[in-house]
Amino acid sequence: MMEEKHLNIEHLMTLARIELGGSERIKIADSLREILDYLEKLSEVDIEEVEESAHVFPLYNVLRDDLVGPMLSVEEALMNAPEQRDNQFIVPKVVE
């Protein structure tokens, strides 16, 4: 097993912006120690002969070809828009 390392739960709580009670802190600390122990075990596995891959299973493109087809007119596209101006959708500002 890996050597006992101090987990700064308070620092992690600050980073995650969560508040935990005393028993929750202990439970989370124990869970994190188990995860770190497991990662330590994984680091011992010899992967020298394993071929690198992005996915475990091969992926194939299952999407259809992007073909031009019938299009909506501007009036049809804007028909149900709550607000519109100059043939464009009006949306609430989301960036200050």
PDB file of N, CA and C in Angstrom:
ATOM      1  N   MET A   1       0.847  -1.189   0.000  1.00  0.00           N
ATOM      2  CA  MET A   1       0.000   0.000   0.000  1.00  0.00           C
ATOM      3  C   MET A   1       0.883   1.240   0.000  1.00  0.00           C
ATOM      4  N   MET A   2       0.299   2.311  -0.392  1.00  0.00           N
ATOM      5  CA  MET A   2       1.074   3.542  -0.431  1.00  0.00           C
ATOM      6  C   MET A   2       1.255   4.083   0.972  1.00  0.00           C
ATOM      7  N   GLU A   3       2.300   4.845   1.133  1.00  0.00           N
ATOM      8  CA  GLU A   3       2.539   5.442   2.442  1.00  0.00           C
ATOM      9  C   GLU A   3       1.408   6.402   2.779  1.00  0.00           C
ATOM     10  N   GLU A   4       1.144   6.541   4.041  1.00  0.00           N
ATOM     11  CA  GLU A   4       0.065   7.419   4.504  1.00  0.00           C
ATOM     12  C   GLU A   4       0.410   8.865   4.166  1.00  0.00           C
ATOM     13  N   LYS A   5      -0.440   9.499   3.365  1.00  0.00           N
ATOM     14  CA  LYS A   5      -0.239  10.896   3.016  1.00  0.00           C
ATOM     15  C   LYS A   5      -1.374  11.697   3.606  1.00  0.00           C
ATOM     16  N   HIS A   6      -1.046  12.884   4.029  1.00  0.00           N
ATOM     17  CA  HIS A   6      -2.044  13.758   4.637  1.00  0.00           C
ATOM     18  C   HIS A   6      -2.965  14.317   3.556  1.00  0.00           C
ATOM     19  N   LEU A   7      -4.253  14.144   3.740  1.00  0.00           N
ATOM     20  CA  LEU A   7      -5.241  14.716   2.834  1.00  0.00           C
ATOM     21  C   LEU A   7      -5.783  15.984   3.479  1.00  0.00           C
ATOM     22  N   ASN A   8      -5.636  17.082   2.808  1.00  0.00           N
ATOM     23  CA  ASN A   8      -6.130  18.346   3.330  1.00  0.00           C
ATOM     24  C   ASN A   8      -7.571  18.515   2.865  1.00  0.00           C
ATOM     25  N   ILE A   9      -8.491  17.915   3.607  1.00  0.00           N
ATOM     26  CA  ILE A   9      -9.910  17.928   3.256  1.00  0.00           C
ATOM     27  C   ILE A   9     -10.446  19.356   3.233  1.00  0.00           C
ATOM     28  N   GLU A  10     -10.003  20.189   4.161  1.00  0.00           N
ATOM     29  CA  GLU A  10     -10.488  21.570   4.186  1.00  0.00           C
ATOM     30  C   GLU A  10     -10.128  22.298   2.900  1.00  0.00           C
ATOM     31  N   HIS A  11      -8.900  22.064   2.410  1.00  0.00           N
ATOM     32  CA  HIS A  11      -8.475  22.700   1.161  1.00  0.00           C
ATOM     33  C   HIS A  11      -9.319  22.178  -0.010  1.00  0.00           C
ATOM     34  N   LEU A  12      -9.565  20.879  -0.048  1.00  0.00           N
ATOM     35  CA  LEU A  12     -10.394  20.299  -1.106  1.00  0.00           C
ATOM     36  C   LEU A  12     -11.820  20.829  -1.040  1.00  0.00           C
ATOM     37  N   MET A  13     -12.336  21.008   0.170  1.00  0.00           N
ATOM     38  CA  MET A  13     -13.684  21.559   0.328  1.00  0.00           C
ATOM     39  C   MET A  13     -13.743  22.980  -0.228  1.00  0.00           C
ATOM     40  N   THR A  14     -12.689  23.753   0.028  1.00  0.00           N
ATOM     41  CA  THR A  14     -12.639  25.121  -0.491  1.00  0.00           C
ATOM     42  C   THR A  14     -12.608  25.116  -2.014  1.00  0.00           C
ATOM     43  N   LEU A  15     -11.776  24.255  -2.587  1.00  0.00           N
ATOM     44  CA  LEU A  15     -11.684  24.178  -4.042  1.00  0.00           C
ATOM     45  C   LEU A  15     -13.004  23.746  -4.672  1.00  0.00           C
ATOM     46  N   ALA A  16     -13.693  22.803  -4.022  1.00  0.00           N
ATOM     47  CA  ALA A  16     -14.956  22.283  -4.550  1.00  0.00           C
ATOM     48  C   ALA A  16     -16.145  23.143  -4.148  1.00  0.00           C
ATOM     49  N   ARG A  17     -15.904  24.107  -3.278  1.00  0.00           N
ATOM     50  CA  ARG A  17     -16.958  25.003  -2.786  1.00  0.00           C
ATOM     51  C   ARG A  17     -18.111  24.213  -2.147  1.00  0.00           C
ATOM     52  N   ILE A  18     -17.722  23.278  -1.283  1.00  0.00           N
ATOM     53  CA  ILE A  18     -18.722  22.500  -0.541  1.00  0.00           C
ATOM     54  C   ILE A  18     -18.411  22.578   0.944  1.00  0.00           C
ATOM     55  N   GLU A  19     -19.426  22.331   1.741  1.00  0.00           N
ATOM     56  CA  GLU A  19     -19.251  22.270   3.186  1.00  0.00           C
ATOM     57  C   GLU A  19     -19.615  20.874   3.659  1.00  0.00           C
ATOM     58  N   LEU A  20     -18.769  20.305   4.506  1.00  0.00           N
ATOM     59  CA  LEU A  20     -18.999  18.968   5.033  1.00  0.00           C
ATOM     60  C   LEU A  20     -18.892  19.004   6.547  1.00  0.00           C
ATOM     61  N   GLY A  21     -19.741  18.216   7.193  1.00  0.00           N
ATOM     62  CA  GLY A  21     -19.665  18.070   8.639  1.00  0.00           C
ATOM     63  C   GLY A  21     -18.527  17.143   9.015  1.00  0.00           C
ATOM     64  N   GLY A  22     -18.281  16.991  10.314  1.00  0.00           N
ATOM     65  CA  GLY A  22     -17.178  16.180  10.810  1.00  0.00           C
ATOM     66  C   GLY A  22     -17.198  14.748  10.317  1.00  0.00           C
ATOM     67  N   SER A  23     -18.362  14.072  10.413  1.00  0.00           N
ATOM     68  CA  SER A  23     -18.439  12.671   9.986  1.00  0.00           C
ATOM     69  C   SER A  23     -18.319  12.552   8.471  1.00  0.00           C
ATOM     70  N   GLU A  24     -18.852  13.554   7.763  1.00  0.00           N
ATOM     71  CA  GLU A  24     -18.737  13.538   6.293  1.00  0.00           C
ATOM     72  C   GLU A  24     -17.280  13.701   5.873  1.00  0.00           C
ATOM     73  N   ARG A  25     -16.546  14.554   6.589  1.00  0.00           N
ATOM     74  CA  ARG A  25     -15.131  14.760   6.274  1.00  0.00           C
ATOM     75  C   ARG A  25     -14.352  13.460   6.429  1.00  0.00           C
ATOM     76  N   ILE A  26     -14.621  12.739   7.508  1.00  0.00           N
ATOM     77  CA  ILE A  26     -13.933  11.469   7.757  1.00  0.00           C
ATOM     78  C   ILE A  26     -14.268  10.463   6.660  1.00  0.00           C
ATOM     79  N   LYS A  27     -15.549  10.399   6.305  1.00  0.00           N
ATOM     80  CA  LYS A  27     -15.986   9.461   5.266  1.00  0.00           C
ATOM     81  C   LYS A  27     -15.337   9.793   3.923  1.00  0.00           C
ATOM     82  N   ILE A  28     -15.316  11.079   3.558  1.00  0.00           N
ATOM     83  CA  ILE A  28     -14.702  11.498   2.302  1.00  0.00           C
ATOM     84  C   ILE A  28     -13.196  11.226   2.320  1.00  0.00           C
ATOM     85  N   ALA A  29     -12.543  11.517   3.428  1.00  0.00           N
ATOM     86  CA  ALA A  29     -11.101  11.274   3.543  1.00  0.00           C
ATOM     87  C   ALA A  29     -10.800   9.786   3.366  1.00  0.00           C
ATOM     88  N   ASP A  30     -11.606   8.930   3.993  1.00  0.00           N
ATOM     89  CA  ASP A  30     -11.407   7.483   3.845  1.00  0.00           C
ATOM     90  C   ASP A  30     -11.602   7.051   2.398  1.00  0.00           C
ATOM     91  N   SER A  31     -12.634   7.579   1.757  1.00  0.00           N
ATOM     92  CA  SER A  31     -12.898   7.243   0.353  1.00  0.00           C
ATOM     93  C   SER A  31     -11.751   7.687  -0.540  1.00  0.00           C
ATOM     94  N   LEU A  32     -11.257   8.901  -0.315  1.00  0.00           N
ATOM     95  CA  LEU A  32     -10.142   9.398  -1.117  1.00  0.00           C
ATOM     96  C   LEU A  32      -8.887   8.565  -0.906  1.00  0.00           C
ATOM     97  N   ARG A  33      -8.642   8.133   0.341  1.00  0.00           N
ATOM     98  CA  ARG A  33      -7.482   7.272   0.600  1.00  0.00           C
ATOM     99  C   ARG A  33      -7.610   5.945  -0.151  1.00  0.00           C
ATOM    100  N   GLU A  34      -8.818   5.380  -0.188  1.00  0.00           N
ATOM    101  CA  GLU A  34      -9.039   4.130  -0.936  1.00  0.00           C
ATOM    102  C   GLU A  34      -8.769   4.338  -2.418  1.00  0.00           C
ATOM    103  N   ILE A  35      -9.232   5.459  -2.960  1.00  0.00           N
ATOM    104  CA  ILE A  35      -9.013   5.761  -4.376  1.00  0.00           C
ATOM    105  C   ILE A  35      -7.521   5.906  -4.654  1.00  0.00           C
ATOM    106  N   LEU A  36      -6.818   6.638  -3.798  1.00  0.00           N
ATOM    107  CA  LEU A  36      -5.379   6.821  -3.988  1.00  0.00           C
ATOM    108  C   LEU A  36      -4.623   5.499  -3.860  1.00  0.00           C
ATOM    109  N   ASP A  37      -5.053   4.638  -2.928  1.00  0.00           N
ATOM    110  CA  ASP A  37      -4.443   3.304  -2.804  1.00  0.00           C
ATOM    111  C   ASP A  37      -4.649   2.500  -4.085  1.00  0.00           C
ATOM    112  N   TYR A  38      -5.852   2.584  -4.655  1.00  0.00           N
ATOM    113  CA  TYR A  38      -6.146   1.849  -5.885  1.00  0.00           C
ATOM    114  C   TYR A  38      -5.293   2.378  -7.036  1.00  0.00           C
ATOM    115  N   LEU A  39      -5.157   3.696  -7.122  1.00  0.00           N
ATOM    116  CA  LEU A  39      -4.316   4.280  -8.167  1.00  0.00           C
ATOM    117  C   LEU A  39      -2.870   3.848  -8.013  1.00  0.00           C
ATOM    118  N   GLU A  40      -2.430   3.713  -6.787  1.00  0.00           N
ATOM    119  CA  GLU A  40      -1.071   3.242  -6.526  1.00  0.00           C
ATOM    120  C   GLU A  40      -0.904   1.809  -7.042  1.00  0.00           C
ATOM    121  N   LYS A  41      -1.913   0.966  -6.818  1.00  0.00           N
ATOM    122  CA  LYS A  41      -1.870  -0.406  -7.337  1.00  0.00           C
ATOM    123  C   LYS A  41      -1.824  -0.409  -8.859  1.00  0.00           C
ATOM    124  N   LEU A  42      -2.624   0.473  -9.475  1.00  0.00           N
ATOM    125  CA  LEU A  42      -2.644   0.534 -10.936  1.00  0.00           C
ATOM    126  C   LEU A  42      -1.285   0.953 -11.498  1.00  0.00           C
ATOM    127  N   SER A  43      -0.581   1.797 -10.781  1.00  0.00           N
ATOM    128  CA  SER A  43       0.724   2.256 -11.268  1.00  0.00           C
ATOM    129  C   SER A  43       1.754   1.122 -11.264  1.00  0.00           C
ATOM    130  N   GLU A  44       1.479   0.046 -10.554  1.00  0.00           N
ATOM    131  CA  GLU A  44       2.391  -1.096 -10.506  1.00  0.00           C
ATOM    132  C   GLU A  44       2.200  -2.050 -11.681  1.00  0.00           C
ATOM    133  N   VAL A  45       1.118  -1.889 -12.436  1.00  0.00           N
ATOM    134  CA  VAL A  45       0.827  -2.791 -13.546  1.00  0.00           C
ATOM    135  C   VAL A  45       1.790  -2.517 -14.702  1.00  0.00           C
ATOM    136  N   ASP A  46       2.357  -3.593 -15.266  1.00  0.00           N
ATOM    137  CA  ASP A  46       3.279  -3.458 -16.390  1.00  0.00           C
ATOM    138  C   ASP A  46       2.481  -3.267 -17.673  1.00  0.00           C
ATOM    139  N   ILE A  47       2.604  -2.097 -18.271  1.00  0.00           N
ATOM    140  CA  ILE A  47       1.863  -1.801 -19.507  1.00  0.00           C
ATOM    141  C   ILE A  47       2.821  -1.578 -20.675  1.00  0.00           C
ATOM    142  N   GLU A  48       4.050  -2.050 -20.522  1.00  0.00           N
ATOM    143  CA  GLU A  48       5.085  -1.830 -21.539  1.00  0.00           C
ATOM    144  C   GLU A  48       4.670  -2.402 -22.897  1.00  0.00           C
ATOM    145  N   GLU A  49       4.008  -3.547 -22.904  1.00  0.00           N
ATOM    146  CA  GLU A  49       3.636  -4.212 -24.154  1.00  0.00           C
ATOM    147  C   GLU A  49       2.249  -3.814 -24.661  1.00  0.00           C
ATOM    148  N   VAL A  50       1.546  -2.944 -23.952  1.00  0.00           N
ATOM    149  CA  VAL A  50       0.184  -2.579 -24.325  1.00  0.00           C
ATOM    150  C   VAL A  50       0.221  -1.449 -25.345  1.00  0.00           C
ATOM    151  N   GLU A  51      -0.501  -1.661 -26.455  1.00  0.00           N
ATOM    152  CA  GLU A  51      -0.552  -0.639 -27.497  1.00  0.00           C
ATOM    153  C   GLU A  51      -1.434   0.520 -27.029  1.00  0.00           C
ATOM    154  N   GLU A  52      -0.973   1.742 -27.304  1.00  0.00           N
ATOM    155  CA  GLU A  52      -1.738   2.915 -26.909  1.00  0.00           C
ATOM    156  C   GLU A  52      -3.007   3.021 -27.744  1.00  0.00           C
ATOM    157  N   SER A  53      -4.074   3.469 -27.089  1.00  0.00           N
ATOM    158  CA  SER A  53      -5.327   3.685 -27.811  1.00  0.00           C
ATOM    159  C   SER A  53      -6.147   4.724 -27.076  1.00  0.00           C
ATOM    160  N   ALA A  54      -7.014   5.390 -27.808  1.00  0.00           N
ATOM    161  CA  ALA A  54      -7.875   6.393 -27.194  1.00  0.00           C
ATOM    162  C   ALA A  54      -9.099   5.733 -26.572  1.00  0.00           C
ATOM    163  N   HIS A  55      -9.510   4.581 -27.102  1.00  0.00           N
ATOM    164  CA  HIS A  55     -10.690   3.882 -26.617  1.00  0.00           C
ATOM    165  C   HIS A  55     -10.399   2.391 -26.501  1.00  0.00           C
ATOM    166  N   VAL A  56     -11.105   1.750 -25.605  1.00  0.00           N
ATOM    167  CA  VAL A  56     -10.920   0.313 -25.422  1.00  0.00           C
ATOM    168  C   VAL A  56     -11.405  -0.444 -26.647  1.00  0.00           C
ATOM    169  N   PHE A  57     -12.544  -0.022 -27.196  1.00  0.00           N
ATOM    170  CA  PHE A  57     -13.106  -0.661 -28.370  1.00  0.00           C
ATOM    171  C   PHE A  57     -12.925   0.248 -29.576  1.00  0.00           C
ATOM    172  N   PRO A  58     -12.729  -0.328 -30.757  1.00  0.00           N
ATOM    173  CA  PRO A  58     -12.586   0.526 -31.939  1.00  0.00           C
ATOM    174  C   PRO A  58     -13.887   1.288 -32.200  1.00  0.00           C
ATOM    175  N   LEU A  59     -13.755   2.546 -32.605  1.00  0.00           N
ATOM    176  CA  LEU A  59     -14.920   3.368 -32.884  1.00  0.00           C
ATOM    177  C   LEU A  59     -15.041   3.573 -34.385  1.00  0.00           C
ATOM    178  N   TYR A  60     -16.262   3.552 -34.842  1.00  0.00           N
ATOM    179  CA  TYR A  60     -16.544   3.797 -36.248  1.00  0.00           C
ATOM    180  C   TYR A  60     -17.542   4.929 -36.333  1.00  0.00           C
ATOM    181  N   ASN A  61     -17.432   5.723 -37.376  1.00  0.00           N
ATOM    182  CA  ASN A  61     -18.349   6.825 -37.567  1.00  0.00           C
ATOM    183  C   ASN A  61     -19.719   6.264 -37.936  1.00  0.00           C
ATOM    184  N   VAL A  62     -20.681   6.464 -37.050  1.00  0.00           N
ATOM    185  CA  VAL A  62     -22.024   5.958 -37.298  1.00  0.00           C
ATOM    186  C   VAL A  62     -22.977   7.088 -37.676  1.00  0.00           C
ATOM    187  N   LEU A  63     -22.420   8.262 -37.925  1.00  0.00           N
ATOM    188  CA  LEU A  63     -23.251   9.394 -38.288  1.00  0.00           C
ATOM    189  C   LEU A  63     -23.504   9.396 -39.789  1.00  0.00           C
ATOM    190  N   ARG A  64     -24.617   9.951 -40.176  1.00  0.00           N
ATOM    191  CA  ARG A  64     -24.946  10.028 -41.595  1.00  0.00           C
ATOM    192  C   ARG A  64     -24.109  11.113 -42.242  1.00  0.00           C
ATOM    193  N   ASP A  65     -24.012  11.070 -43.557  1.00  0.00           N
ATOM    194  CA  ASP A  65     -23.323  12.127 -44.286  1.00  0.00           C
ATOM    195  C   ASP A  65     -24.097  13.427 -44.131  1.00  0.00           C
ATOM    196  N   ASP A  66     -23.376  14.514 -44.100  1.00  0.00           N
ATOM    197  CA  ASP A  66     -23.988  15.832 -43.961  1.00  0.00           C
ATOM    198  C   ASP A  66     -24.355  16.326 -45.361  1.00  0.00           C
ATOM    199  N   LEU A  67     -25.618  16.137 -45.726  1.00  0.00           N
ATOM    200  CA  LEU A  67     -26.083  16.500 -47.057  1.00  0.00           C
ATOM    201  C   LEU A  67     -27.018  17.692 -46.980  1.00  0.00           C
ATOM    202  N   VAL A  68     -26.937  18.561 -47.988  1.00  0.00           N
ATOM    203  CA  VAL A  68     -27.837  19.700 -48.064  1.00  0.00           C
ATOM    204  C   VAL A  68     -29.212  19.189 -48.478  1.00  0.00           C
ATOM    205  N   GLY A  69     -30.235  19.663 -47.767  1.00  0.00           N
ATOM    206  CA  GLY A  69     -31.605  19.252 -48.072  1.00  0.00           C
ATOM    207  C   GLY A  69     -32.517  20.456 -48.043  1.00  0.00           C
ATOM    208  N   PRO A  70     -33.812  20.205 -47.994  1.00  0.00           N
ATOM    209  CA  PRO A  70     -34.766  21.313 -47.946  1.00  0.00           C
ATOM    210  C   PRO A  70     -34.505  22.169 -46.707  1.00  0.00           C
ATOM    211  N   MET A  71     -34.596  23.492 -46.887  1.00  0.00           N
ATOM    212  CA  MET A  71     -34.317  24.412 -45.792  1.00  0.00           C
ATOM    213  C   MET A  71     -35.575  25.197 -45.439  1.00  0.00           C
ATOM    214  N   LEU A  72     -35.613  25.675 -44.189  1.00  0.00           N
ATOM    215  CA  LEU A  72     -36.702  26.528 -43.749  1.00  0.00           C
ATOM    216  C   LEU A  72     -36.499  27.929 -44.302  1.00  0.00           C
ATOM    217  N   SER A  73     -37.596  28.589 -44.592  1.00  0.00           N
ATOM    218  CA  SER A  73     -37.495  30.002 -44.943  1.00  0.00           C
ATOM    219  C   SER A  73     -37.225  30.782 -43.659  1.00  0.00           C
ATOM    220  N   VAL A  74     -36.790  32.021 -43.785  1.00  0.00           N
ATOM    221  CA  VAL A  74     -36.530  32.860 -42.621  1.00  0.00           C
ATOM    222  C   VAL A  74     -37.799  32.988 -41.791  1.00  0.00           C
ATOM    223  N   GLU A  75     -38.924  33.161 -42.444  1.00  0.00           N
ATOM    224  CA  GLU A  75     -40.190  33.303 -41.726  1.00  0.00           C
ATOM    225  C   GLU A  75     -40.528  32.042 -40.936  1.00  0.00           C
ATOM    226  N   GLU A  76     -40.317  30.864 -41.537  1.00  0.00           N
ATOM    227  CA  GLU A  76     -40.589  29.601 -40.844  1.00  0.00           C
ATOM    228  C   GLU A  76     -39.647  29.411 -39.656  1.00  0.00           C
ATOM    229  N   ALA A  77     -38.381  29.762 -39.842  1.00  0.00           N
ATOM    230  CA  ALA A  77     -37.399  29.585 -38.769  1.00  0.00           C
ATOM    231  C   ALA A  77     -37.707  30.482 -37.580  1.00  0.00           C
ATOM    232  N   LEU A  78     -38.198  31.694 -37.841  1.00  0.00           N
ATOM    233  CA  LEU A  78     -38.463  32.654 -36.777  1.00  0.00           C
ATOM    234  C   LEU A  78     -39.896  32.611 -36.265  1.00  0.00           C
ATOM    235  N   MET A  79     -40.728  31.743 -36.831  1.00  0.00           N
ATOM    236  CA  MET A  79     -42.154  31.708 -36.537  1.00  0.00           C
ATOM    237  C   MET A  79     -42.448  31.611 -35.032  1.00  0.00           C
ATOM    238  N   ASN A  80     -41.732  30.786 -34.288  1.00  0.00           N
ATOM    239  CA  ASN A  80     -42.013  30.593 -32.861  1.00  0.00           C
ATOM    240  C   ASN A  80     -41.015  31.294 -31.948  1.00  0.00           C
ATOM    241  N   ALA A  81     -40.179  32.152 -32.508  1.00  0.00           N
ATOM    242  CA  ALA A  81     -39.192  32.860 -31.691  1.00  0.00           C
ATOM    243  C   ALA A  81     -39.899  33.845 -30.777  1.00  0.00           C
ATOM    244  N   PRO A  82     -39.571  33.839 -29.480  1.00  0.00           N
ATOM    245  CA  PRO A  82     -40.203  34.785 -28.561  1.00  0.00           C
ATOM    246  C   PRO A  82     -39.905  36.236 -28.946  1.00  0.00           C
ATOM    247  N   GLU A  83     -38.666  36.490 -29.409  1.00  0.00           N
ATOM    248  CA  GLU A  83     -38.296  37.837 -29.844  1.00  0.00           C
ATOM    249  C   GLU A  83     -37.438  37.726 -31.091  1.00  0.00           C
ATOM    250  N   GLN A  84     -37.620  38.680 -32.004  1.00  0.00           N
ATOM    251  CA  GLN A  84     -36.831  38.706 -33.222  1.00  0.00           C
ATOM    252  C   GLN A  84     -36.692  40.144 -33.706  1.00  0.00           C
ATOM    253  N   ARG A  85     -35.610  40.386 -34.439  1.00  0.00           N
ATOM    254  CA  ARG A  85     -35.391  41.698 -35.027  1.00  0.00           C
ATOM    255  C   ARG A  85     -34.456  41.515 -36.220  1.00  0.00           C
ATOM    256  N   ASP A  86     -34.744  42.168 -37.307  1.00  0.00           N
ATOM    257  CA  ASP A  86     -33.914  42.119 -38.522  1.00  0.00           C
ATOM    258  C   ASP A  86     -33.634  40.689 -38.954  1.00  0.00           C
ATOM    259  N   ASN A  87     -34.675  39.854 -38.942  1.00  0.00           N
ATOM    260  CA  ASN A  87     -34.569  38.440 -39.333  1.00  0.00           C
ATOM    261  C   ASN A  87     -33.558  37.666 -38.482  1.00  0.00           C
ATOM    262  N   GLN A  88     -33.433  38.015 -37.201  1.00  0.00           N
ATOM    263  CA  GLN A  88     -32.536  37.316 -36.285  1.00  0.00           C
ATOM    264  C   GLN A  88     -33.253  37.045 -34.974  1.00  0.00           C
ATOM    265  N   PHE A  89     -32.830  35.972 -34.288  1.00  0.00           N
ATOM    266  CA  PHE A  89     -33.345  35.670 -32.963  1.00  0.00           C
ATOM    267  C   PHE A  89     -32.780  36.673 -31.960  1.00  0.00           C
ATOM    268  N   ILE A  90     -33.581  37.126 -31.032  1.00  0.00           N
ATOM    269  CA  ILE A  90     -33.104  37.953 -29.924  1.00  0.00           C
ATOM    270  C   ILE A  90     -33.042  37.038 -28.705  1.00  0.00           C
ATOM    271  N   VAL A  91     -31.853  36.975 -28.082  1.00  0.00           N
ATOM    272  CA  VAL A  91     -31.669  36.117 -26.913  1.00  0.00           C
ATOM    273  C   VAL A  91     -31.153  36.955 -25.749  1.00  0.00           C
ATOM    274  N   PRO A  92     -31.400  36.506 -24.514  1.00  0.00           N
ATOM    275  CA  PRO A  92     -30.911  37.260 -23.350  1.00  0.00           C
ATOM    276  C   PRO A  92     -29.382  37.311 -23.340  1.00  0.00           C
ATOM    277  N   LYS A  93     -28.859  38.403 -22.857  1.00  0.00           N
ATOM    278  CA  LYS A  93     -27.415  38.558 -22.716  1.00  0.00           C
ATOM    279  C   LYS A  93     -26.912  37.603 -21.622  1.00  0.00           C
ATOM    280  N   VAL A  94     -25.865  36.844 -21.928  1.00  0.00           N
ATOM    281  CA  VAL A  94     -25.350  35.889 -20.956  1.00  0.00           C
ATOM    282  C   VAL A  94     -23.928  36.221 -20.525  1.00  0.00           C
ATOM    283  N   VAL A  95     -23.287  37.165 -21.188  1.00  0.00           N
ATOM    284  CA  VAL A  95     -21.924  37.545 -20.843  1.00  0.00           C
ATOM    285  C   VAL A  95     -21.927  39.014 -20.446  1.00  0.00           C
ATOM    286  N   GLU A  96     -21.281  39.307 -19.347  1.00  0.00           N
ATOM    287  CA  GLU A  96     -21.209  40.705 -18.887  1.00  0.00           C
ATOM    288  C   GLU A  96     -20.143  41.445 -19.641  1.00  0.00           C
TER     289      GLU A  96
END
